[in-house]
Amino acid sequence: MNATAILLIVIALVILWKKTRKVTEVKGFTSVFSPITQKYYIVRDYSAIASAPSAQSSADFLAAREVDMVRLLQYLRKLVRSGQIRLALMPAHVKSAIVRLTQVFPDGANLNVNELDTQGNPGILAITVNKIEGTQICLRKDPASGSLDDPQAVNFFLIHELAHSAREQYEPVDSRGFSIHSTEFKEIESFLVDQALAIGVLQRHPDTLKDFAHCGGKKLPQ
C-alpha cells in the first residue's frame, strides 16, 4: 500500500470520527452498544430519572426495532428476486419503489437508526437524512419521563421512513416544513405495511394506533 492510499484511509477515518463525535456530543445523549445487533446506538441519557429506562434498555429497544426492519427488507428482497413484485397487480410506481428500496438497503445491513433529539426537532416523530443516510426516531411515549413507546408504533414510524427512502422524489412540505404525503407515497407505505403485517413485523394495523398520543402527544403520520 503506497503513501497516498494510506493518507486517504487516514483522512476517511478522521472524517468518520468527526461525524460520530458530532452526533454523540448532542447534550443529554450517549452512545451505547447493543449485543442484539453488535452495533452502537445514540440514545438519550435518562440516568437522572430513577424510573426511566436505562440507556442500555433504550439501545436494545432500538436494536430490536432495527432487526424488525431488516426482516422486512430481506423479505422484500426475496419478493423482488422471485419475480413476485414484477408480476404483482400494483401500480408501476410502487413496484419501482420497492425495487429501489431493496437496492439502497440490501438486506438492511446499512440501516443506521438512532434516537431523535425531540427538543431540537419539535413536532417531529422521525427524520431520514437524504433518504438513505440515517434515520433518527422518537422512541418515547413521553420524552419528559423517558418511558418507551409501543414497539408497534415505533416499527410503523420506521416503515413510514422506509416509504420515504423508497421514493426517488422528495415530498413537498407545508409552511412548517412537514412533508405533505402524496397519493403515490401513501400507496407505497400501504404496501410496506401489508408486507410487515404478513410476516409479523407489525402485529396490529397502524390505524389502531392513530388515536393514541406518541412522543409527548404527537399523532401517527397521516
C-alpha atoms as a PDB file:
ATOM      1  CA  MET A   1       0.000   0.000   0.000  1.00  0.00           C
ATOM      2  CA  ASN A   2       1.510   3.329  -1.076  1.00  0.00           C
ATOM      3  CA  ALA A   3       1.656   6.533   0.963  1.00  0.00           C
ATOM      4  CA  THR A   4      -1.222   8.146  -0.941  1.00  0.00           C
ATOM      5  CA  ALA A   5      -3.566   5.234  -0.189  1.00  0.00           C
ATOM      6  CA  ILE A   6      -2.616   5.299   3.483  1.00  0.00           C
ATOM      7  CA  LEU A   7      -3.224   9.047   3.626  1.00  0.00           C
ATOM      8  CA  LEU A   8      -6.685   8.645   2.052  1.00  0.00           C
ATOM      9  CA  ILE A   9      -7.589   5.953   4.578  1.00  0.00           C
ATOM     10  CA  VAL A  10      -6.457   8.169   7.461  1.00  0.00           C
ATOM     11  CA  ILE A  11      -8.481  11.117   6.115  1.00  0.00           C
ATOM     12  CA  ALA A  12     -11.577   8.899   5.741  1.00  0.00           C
ATOM     13  CA  LEU A  13     -11.189   7.639   9.312  1.00  0.00           C
ATOM     14  CA  VAL A  14     -10.832  11.179  10.649  1.00  0.00           C
ATOM     15  CA  ILE A  15     -13.972  12.285   8.782  1.00  0.00           C
ATOM     16  CA  LEU A  16     -15.890   9.281  10.129  1.00  0.00           C
ATOM     17  CA  TRP A  17     -14.666  10.012  13.666  1.00  0.00           C
ATOM     18  CA  LYS A  18     -15.749  13.635  13.408  1.00  0.00           C
ATOM     19  CA  LYS A  19     -19.217  12.656  12.162  1.00  0.00           C
ATOM     20  CA  THR A  20     -19.656  10.191  15.014  1.00  0.00           C
ATOM     21  CA  ARG A  21     -18.294  12.672  17.548  1.00  0.00           C
ATOM     22  CA  LYS A  22     -20.676  15.353  16.329  1.00  0.00           C
ATOM     23  CA  VAL A  23     -23.675  13.077  16.898  1.00  0.00           C
ATOM     24  CA  THR A  24     -22.597  11.824  20.318  1.00  0.00           C
ATOM     25  CA  GLU A  25     -21.901  15.333  21.581  1.00  0.00           C
ATOM     26  CA  VAL A  26     -25.583  16.307  21.448  1.00  0.00           C
ATOM     27  CA  LYS A  27     -26.335  17.304  25.018  1.00  0.00           C
ATOM     28  CA  GLY A  28     -28.045  14.561  27.004  1.00  0.00           C
ATOM     29  CA  PHE A  29     -27.296  11.742  24.540  1.00  0.00           C
ATOM     30  CA  THR A  30     -24.914   8.810  24.829  1.00  0.00           C
ATOM     31  CA  SER A  31     -23.572   6.048  22.588  1.00  0.00           C
ATOM     32  CA  VAL A  32     -24.483   2.538  23.778  1.00  0.00           C
ATOM     33  CA  PHE A  33     -23.511  -0.875  22.399  1.00  0.00           C
ATOM     34  CA  SER A  34     -26.332  -3.386  21.914  1.00  0.00           C
ATOM     35  CA  PRO A  35     -25.482  -7.102  21.811  1.00  0.00           C
ATOM     36  CA  ILE A  36     -28.653  -7.665  19.785  1.00  0.00           C
ATOM     37  CA  THR A  37     -27.116  -6.255  16.609  1.00  0.00           C
ATOM     38  CA  GLN A  38     -23.493  -5.803  17.720  1.00  0.00           C
ATOM     39  CA  LYS A  39     -23.819  -2.083  16.955  1.00  0.00           C
ATOM     40  CA  TYR A  40     -23.706   1.214  18.800  1.00  0.00           C
ATOM     41  CA  TYR A  41     -26.812   3.400  19.069  1.00  0.00           C
ATOM     42  CA  ILE A  42     -27.203   7.033  20.058  1.00  0.00           C
ATOM     43  CA  VAL A  43     -29.897   7.297  22.752  1.00  0.00           C
ATOM     44  CA  ARG A  44     -30.969   9.907  25.268  1.00  0.00           C
ATOM     45  CA  ASP A  45     -29.479   9.544  28.736  1.00  0.00           C
ATOM     46  CA  TYR A  46     -32.215   9.457  31.392  1.00  0.00           C
ATOM     47  CA  SER A  47     -29.944   8.371  34.240  1.00  0.00           C
ATOM     48  CA  ALA A  48     -31.103  11.352  36.342  1.00  0.00           C
ATOM     49  CA  ILE A  49     -34.655   9.913  36.389  1.00  0.00           C
ATOM     50  CA  ALA A  50     -34.769   6.763  38.532  1.00  0.00           C
ATOM     51  CA  SER A  51     -37.952   5.410  36.938  1.00  0.00           C
ATOM     52  CA  ALA A  52     -36.777   5.873  33.337  1.00  0.00           C
ATOM     53  CA  PRO A  53     -35.405   3.005  31.219  1.00  0.00           C
ATOM     54  CA  SER A  54     -31.633   2.690  31.250  1.00  0.00           C
ATOM     55  CA  ALA A  55     -29.597   3.761  28.246  1.00  0.00           C
ATOM     56  CA  GLN A  56     -28.846   0.073  27.670  1.00  0.00           C
ATOM     57  CA  SER A  57     -32.568  -0.783  27.638  1.00  0.00           C
ATOM     58  CA  SER A  58     -33.200   2.062  25.192  1.00  0.00           C
ATOM     59  CA  ALA A  59     -30.384   0.934  22.881  1.00  0.00           C
ATOM     60  CA  ASP A  60     -31.639  -2.668  22.966  1.00  0.00           C
ATOM     61  CA  PHE A  61     -35.186  -1.474  22.248  1.00  0.00           C
ATOM     62  CA  LEU A  62     -33.903   0.442  19.222  1.00  0.00           C
ATOM     63  CA  ALA A  63     -31.791  -2.518  18.087  1.00  0.00           C
ATOM     64  CA  ALA A  64     -34.841  -4.801  18.229  1.00  0.00           C
ATOM     65  CA  ARG A  65     -36.773  -2.384  16.037  1.00  0.00           C
ATOM     66  CA  GLU A  66     -33.883  -2.336  13.565  1.00  0.00           C
ATOM     67  CA  VAL A  67     -33.910  -6.152  13.485  1.00  0.00           C
ATOM     68  CA  ASP A  68     -37.594  -5.983  12.540  1.00  0.00           C
ATOM     69  CA  MET A  69     -36.813  -3.605   9.668  1.00  0.00           C
ATOM     70  CA  VAL A  70     -34.028  -5.905   8.450  1.00  0.00           C
ATOM     71  CA  ARG A  71     -36.542  -8.785   8.428  1.00  0.00           C
ATOM     72  CA  LEU A  72     -38.905  -6.694   6.321  1.00  0.00           C
ATOM     73  CA  LEU A  73     -36.205  -5.620   3.879  1.00  0.00           C
ATOM     74  CA  GLN A  74     -34.942  -9.171   3.484  1.00  0.00           C
ATOM     75  CA  TYR A  75     -38.492 -10.351   2.817  1.00  0.00           C
ATOM     76  CA  LEU A  76     -38.976  -7.637   0.186  1.00  0.00           C
ATOM     77  CA  ARG A  77     -35.701  -8.638  -1.439  1.00  0.00           C
ATOM     78  CA  LYS A  78     -36.980 -12.221  -1.740  1.00  0.00           C
ATOM     79  CA  LEU A  79     -40.168 -10.954  -3.377  1.00  0.00           C
ATOM     80  CA  VAL A  80     -38.135  -8.921  -5.867  1.00  0.00           C
ATOM     81  CA  ARG A  81     -35.709 -11.750  -6.669  1.00  0.00           C
ATOM     82  CA  SER A  82     -38.502 -14.274  -7.140  1.00  0.00           C
ATOM     83  CA  GLY A  83     -40.304 -12.027  -9.620  1.00  0.00           C
ATOM     84  CA  GLN A  84     -43.388 -11.674  -7.420  1.00  0.00           C
ATOM     85  CA  ILE A  85     -43.091  -7.896  -7.343  1.00  0.00           C
ATOM     86  CA  ARG A  86     -42.785  -7.705 -11.132  1.00  0.00           C
ATOM     87  CA  LEU A  87     -45.879  -9.900 -11.631  1.00  0.00           C
ATOM     88  CA  ALA A  88     -47.972  -8.377  -8.852  1.00  0.00           C
ATOM     89  CA  LEU A  89     -51.079  -6.360  -9.666  1.00  0.00           C
ATOM     90  CA  MET A  90     -49.980  -2.996  -8.305  1.00  0.00           C
ATOM     91  CA  PRO A  91     -49.102   0.434  -9.710  1.00  0.00           C
ATOM     92  CA  ALA A  92     -45.787   0.650 -11.534  1.00  0.00           C
ATOM     93  CA  HIS A  93     -44.511   3.352  -9.174  1.00  0.00           C
ATOM     94  CA  VAL A  94     -44.999   1.018  -6.195  1.00  0.00           C
ATOM     95  CA  LYS A  95     -43.066  -1.757  -7.949  1.00  0.00           C
ATOM     96  CA  SER A  96     -40.182   0.534  -8.823  1.00  0.00           C
ATOM     97  CA  ALA A  97     -40.146   1.963  -5.288  1.00  0.00           C
ATOM     98  CA  ILE A  98     -39.858  -1.497  -3.704  1.00  0.00           C
ATOM     99  CA  VAL A  99     -37.061  -2.439  -6.097  1.00  0.00           C
ATOM    100  CA  ARG A 100     -35.269   0.814  -5.233  1.00  0.00           C
ATOM    101  CA  LEU A 101     -35.670   0.156  -1.505  1.00  0.00           C
ATOM    102  CA  THR A 102     -34.035  -3.263  -1.780  1.00  0.00           C
ATOM    103  CA  GLN A 103     -31.194  -1.700  -3.743  1.00  0.00           C
ATOM    104  CA  VAL A 104     -30.419   1.144  -1.348  1.00  0.00           C
ATOM    105  CA  PHE A 105     -30.765  -1.122   1.712  1.00  0.00           C
ATOM    106  CA  PRO A 106     -29.531  -4.522   0.505  1.00  0.00           C
ATOM    107  CA  ASP A 107     -30.570  -6.962   3.270  1.00  0.00           C
ATOM    108  CA  GLY A 108     -30.827  -3.961   5.598  1.00  0.00           C
ATOM    109  CA  ALA A 109     -27.144  -4.164   6.501  1.00  0.00           C
ATOM    110  CA  ASN A 110     -26.615  -0.421   6.050  1.00  0.00           C
ATOM    111  CA  LEU A 111     -29.542   0.794   8.129  1.00  0.00           C
ATOM    112  CA  ASN A 112     -28.444   3.489  10.553  1.00  0.00           C
ATOM    113  CA  VAL A 113     -31.086   4.236  13.203  1.00  0.00           C
ATOM    114  CA  ASN A 114     -30.648   6.430  16.284  1.00  0.00           C
ATOM    115  CA  GLU A 115     -32.858   8.276  18.743  1.00  0.00           C
ATOM    116  CA  LEU A 116     -34.239  11.632  17.656  1.00  0.00           C
ATOM    117  CA  ASP A 117     -33.410  14.802  19.576  1.00  0.00           C
ATOM    118  CA  THR A 118     -37.030  15.813  20.168  1.00  0.00           C
ATOM    119  CA  GLN A 119     -36.027  19.116  21.767  1.00  0.00           C
ATOM    120  CA  GLY A 120     -34.088  20.135  18.684  1.00  0.00           C
ATOM    121  CA  ASN A 121     -36.814  18.831  16.349  1.00  0.00           C
ATOM    122  CA  PRO A 122     -40.152  19.805  17.924  1.00  0.00           C
ATOM    123  CA  GLY A 123     -43.275  18.295  16.419  1.00  0.00           C
ATOM    124  CA  ILE A 124     -41.381  15.558  14.571  1.00  0.00           C
ATOM    125  CA  LEU A 125     -41.603  11.799  15.117  1.00  0.00           C
ATOM    126  CA  ALA A 126     -38.810  10.732  12.741  1.00  0.00           C
ATOM    127  CA  ILE A 127     -36.313  12.122  10.242  1.00  0.00           C
ATOM    128  CA  THR A 128     -34.378  10.377   7.487  1.00  0.00           C
ATOM    129  CA  VAL A 129     -31.364  12.271   6.173  1.00  0.00           C
ATOM    130  CA  ASN A 130     -31.174  12.408   2.364  1.00  0.00           C
ATOM    131  CA  LYS A 131     -33.382   9.299   2.194  1.00  0.00           C
ATOM    132  CA  ILE A 132     -30.580   6.811   2.930  1.00  0.00           C
ATOM    133  CA  GLU A 133     -28.043   8.454   5.246  1.00  0.00           C
ATOM    134  CA  GLY A 134     -29.604   7.507   8.556  1.00  0.00           C
ATOM    135  CA  THR A 135     -32.881   7.743  10.445  1.00  0.00           C
ATOM    136  CA  GLN A 136     -33.478   9.459  13.776  1.00  0.00           C
ATOM    137  CA  ILE A 137     -36.672   8.444  15.549  1.00  0.00           C
ATOM    138  CA  CYS A 138     -38.569   9.271  18.720  1.00  0.00           C
ATOM    139  CA  LEU A 139     -38.558   6.205  20.966  1.00  0.00           C
ATOM    140  CA  ARG A 140     -40.536   7.690  23.826  1.00  0.00           C
ATOM    141  CA  LYS A 141     -44.180   7.650  24.757  1.00  0.00           C
ATOM    142  CA  ASP A 142     -43.305  10.614  26.941  1.00  0.00           C
ATOM    143  CA  PRO A 143     -39.912  12.287  26.401  1.00  0.00           C
ATOM    144  CA  ALA A 144     -40.225  14.047  29.755  1.00  0.00           C
ATOM    145  CA  SER A 145     -40.289  10.785  31.754  1.00  0.00           C
ATOM    146  CA  GLY A 146     -38.320   8.685  29.260  1.00  0.00           C
ATOM    147  CA  SER A 147     -40.950   5.949  29.021  1.00  0.00           C
ATOM    148  CA  LEU A 148     -40.546   3.918  25.834  1.00  0.00           C
ATOM    149  CA  ASP A 149     -43.290   3.890  23.228  1.00  0.00           C
ATOM    150  CA  ASP A 150     -45.263   0.905  21.948  1.00  0.00           C
ATOM    151  CA  PRO A 151     -42.866  -1.175  19.768  1.00  0.00           C
ATOM    152  CA  GLN A 152     -45.587  -1.413  17.120  1.00  0.00           C
ATOM    153  CA  ALA A 153     -45.801   2.369  16.885  1.00  0.00           C
ATOM    154  CA  VAL A 154     -42.035   2.734  16.539  1.00  0.00           C
ATOM    155  CA  ASN A 155     -41.998  -0.003  13.899  1.00  0.00           C
ATOM    156  CA  PHE A 156     -44.624   1.942  11.971  1.00  0.00           C
ATOM    157  CA  PHE A 157     -42.563   5.153  12.252  1.00  0.00           C
ATOM    158  CA  LEU A 158     -39.637   3.277  10.703  1.00  0.00           C
ATOM    159  CA  ILE A 159     -41.788   1.765   7.943  1.00  0.00           C
ATOM    160  CA  HIS A 160     -43.060   5.260   7.195  1.00  0.00           C
ATOM    161  CA  GLU A 161     -39.449   6.413   6.821  1.00  0.00           C
ATOM    162  CA  LEU A 162     -38.672   3.438   4.572  1.00  0.00           C
ATOM    163  CA  ALA A 163     -41.506   4.594   2.320  1.00  0.00           C
ATOM    164  CA  HIS A 164     -39.760   7.965   2.041  1.00  0.00           C
ATOM    165  CA  SER A 165     -36.483   6.198   1.187  1.00  0.00           C
ATOM    166  CA  ALA A 166     -38.241   4.126  -1.463  1.00  0.00           C
ATOM    167  CA  ARG A 167     -39.277   7.189  -3.462  1.00  0.00           C
ATOM    168  CA  GLU A 168     -36.690   8.952  -5.593  1.00  0.00           C
ATOM    169  CA  GLN A 169     -38.679  12.179  -5.332  1.00  0.00           C
ATOM    170  CA  TYR A 170     -38.908  14.261  -2.194  1.00  0.00           C
ATOM    171  CA  GLU A 171     -42.389  15.000  -0.868  1.00  0.00           C
ATOM    172  CA  PRO A 172     -43.450  18.666  -0.884  1.00  0.00           C
ATOM    173  CA  VAL A 173     -43.538  20.361   2.516  1.00  0.00           C
ATOM    174  CA  ASP A 174     -46.004  22.676   4.227  1.00  0.00           C
ATOM    175  CA  SER A 175     -45.268  26.030   5.863  1.00  0.00           C
ATOM    176  CA  ARG A 176     -43.960  24.230   8.988  1.00  0.00           C
ATOM    177  CA  GLY A 177     -41.539  22.142   6.944  1.00  0.00           C
ATOM    178  CA  PHE A 178     -43.519  18.908   7.396  1.00  0.00           C
ATOM    179  CA  SER A 179     -43.952  16.518   4.460  1.00  0.00           C
ATOM    180  CA  ILE A 180     -47.203  16.575   2.519  1.00  0.00           C
ATOM    181  CA  HIS A 181     -47.706  12.913   1.670  1.00  0.00           C
ATOM    182  CA  SER A 182     -48.753  12.263  -1.906  1.00  0.00           C
ATOM    183  CA  THR A 183     -51.094   9.510  -3.084  1.00  0.00           C
ATOM    184  CA  GLU A 184     -48.073   7.700  -4.520  1.00  0.00           C
ATOM    185  CA  PHE A 185     -46.300   7.823  -1.163  1.00  0.00           C
ATOM    186  CA  LYS A 186     -49.351   6.508   0.681  1.00  0.00           C
ATOM    187  CA  GLU A 187     -49.651   3.603  -1.749  1.00  0.00           C
ATOM    188  CA  ILE A 188     -46.009   2.648  -1.150  1.00  0.00           C
ATOM    189  CA  GLU A 189     -46.451   2.935   2.606  1.00  0.00           C
ATOM    190  CA  SER A 190     -49.636   0.838   2.455  1.00  0.00           C
ATOM    191  CA  PHE A 191     -47.811  -1.919   0.579  1.00  0.00           C
ATOM    192  CA  LEU A 192     -44.993  -1.924   3.124  1.00  0.00           C
ATOM    193  CA  VAL A 193     -47.494  -2.075   5.991  1.00  0.00           C
ATOM    194  CA  ASP A 194     -49.268  -5.033   4.361  1.00  0.00           C
ATOM    195  CA  GLN A 195     -45.991  -6.932   3.993  1.00  0.00           C
ATOM    196  CA  ALA A 196     -44.982  -6.111   7.564  1.00  0.00           C
ATOM    197  CA  LEU A 197     -48.317  -7.475   8.787  1.00  0.00           C
ATOM    198  CA  ALA A 198     -47.854 -10.605   6.676  1.00  0.00           C
ATOM    199  CA  ILE A 199     -44.533 -11.514   8.325  1.00  0.00           C
ATOM    200  CA  GLY A 200     -45.306 -10.291  11.847  1.00  0.00           C
ATOM    201  CA  VAL A 201     -43.119  -7.184  11.895  1.00  0.00           C
ATOM    202  CA  LEU A 202     -46.407  -5.419  12.555  1.00  0.00           C
ATOM    203  CA  GLN A 203     -48.944  -7.342  14.601  1.00  0.00           C
ATOM    204  CA  ARG A 204     -51.603  -4.617  14.551  1.00  0.00           C
ATOM    205  CA  HIS A 205     -52.590  -2.295  11.753  1.00  0.00           C
ATOM    206  CA  PRO A 206     -51.257   1.246  12.324  1.00  0.00           C
ATOM    207  CA  ASP A 207     -54.827   2.574  12.135  1.00  0.00           C
ATOM    208  CA  THR A 208     -55.361   1.062  15.604  1.00  0.00           C
ATOM    209  CA  LEU A 209     -52.570   3.315  16.929  1.00  0.00           C
ATOM    210  CA  LYS A 210     -53.534   6.604  15.271  1.00  0.00           C
ATOM    211  CA  ASP A 211     -55.758   7.833  18.103  1.00  0.00           C
ATOM    212  CA  PHE A 212     -53.051   7.383  20.747  1.00  0.00           C
ATOM    213  CA  ALA A 213     -50.525  10.040  21.698  1.00  0.00           C
ATOM    214  CA  HIS A 214     -46.891   9.323  20.923  1.00  0.00           C
ATOM    215  CA  CYS A 215     -43.691  11.189  21.712  1.00  0.00           C
ATOM    216  CA  GLY A 216     -45.327  13.518  24.201  1.00  0.00           C
ATOM    217  CA  GLY A 217     -48.660  13.999  22.458  1.00  0.00           C
ATOM    218  CA  LYS A 218     -47.967  13.668  18.728  1.00  0.00           C
ATOM    219  CA  LYS A 219     -50.161  11.549  16.462  1.00  0.00           C
ATOM    220  CA  LEU A 220     -49.034   8.995  13.909  1.00  0.00           C
ATOM    221  CA  PRO A 221     -48.309  10.335  10.396  1.00  0.00           C
ATOM    222  CA  GLN A 222     -51.380  10.619   8.217  1.00  0.00           C
END
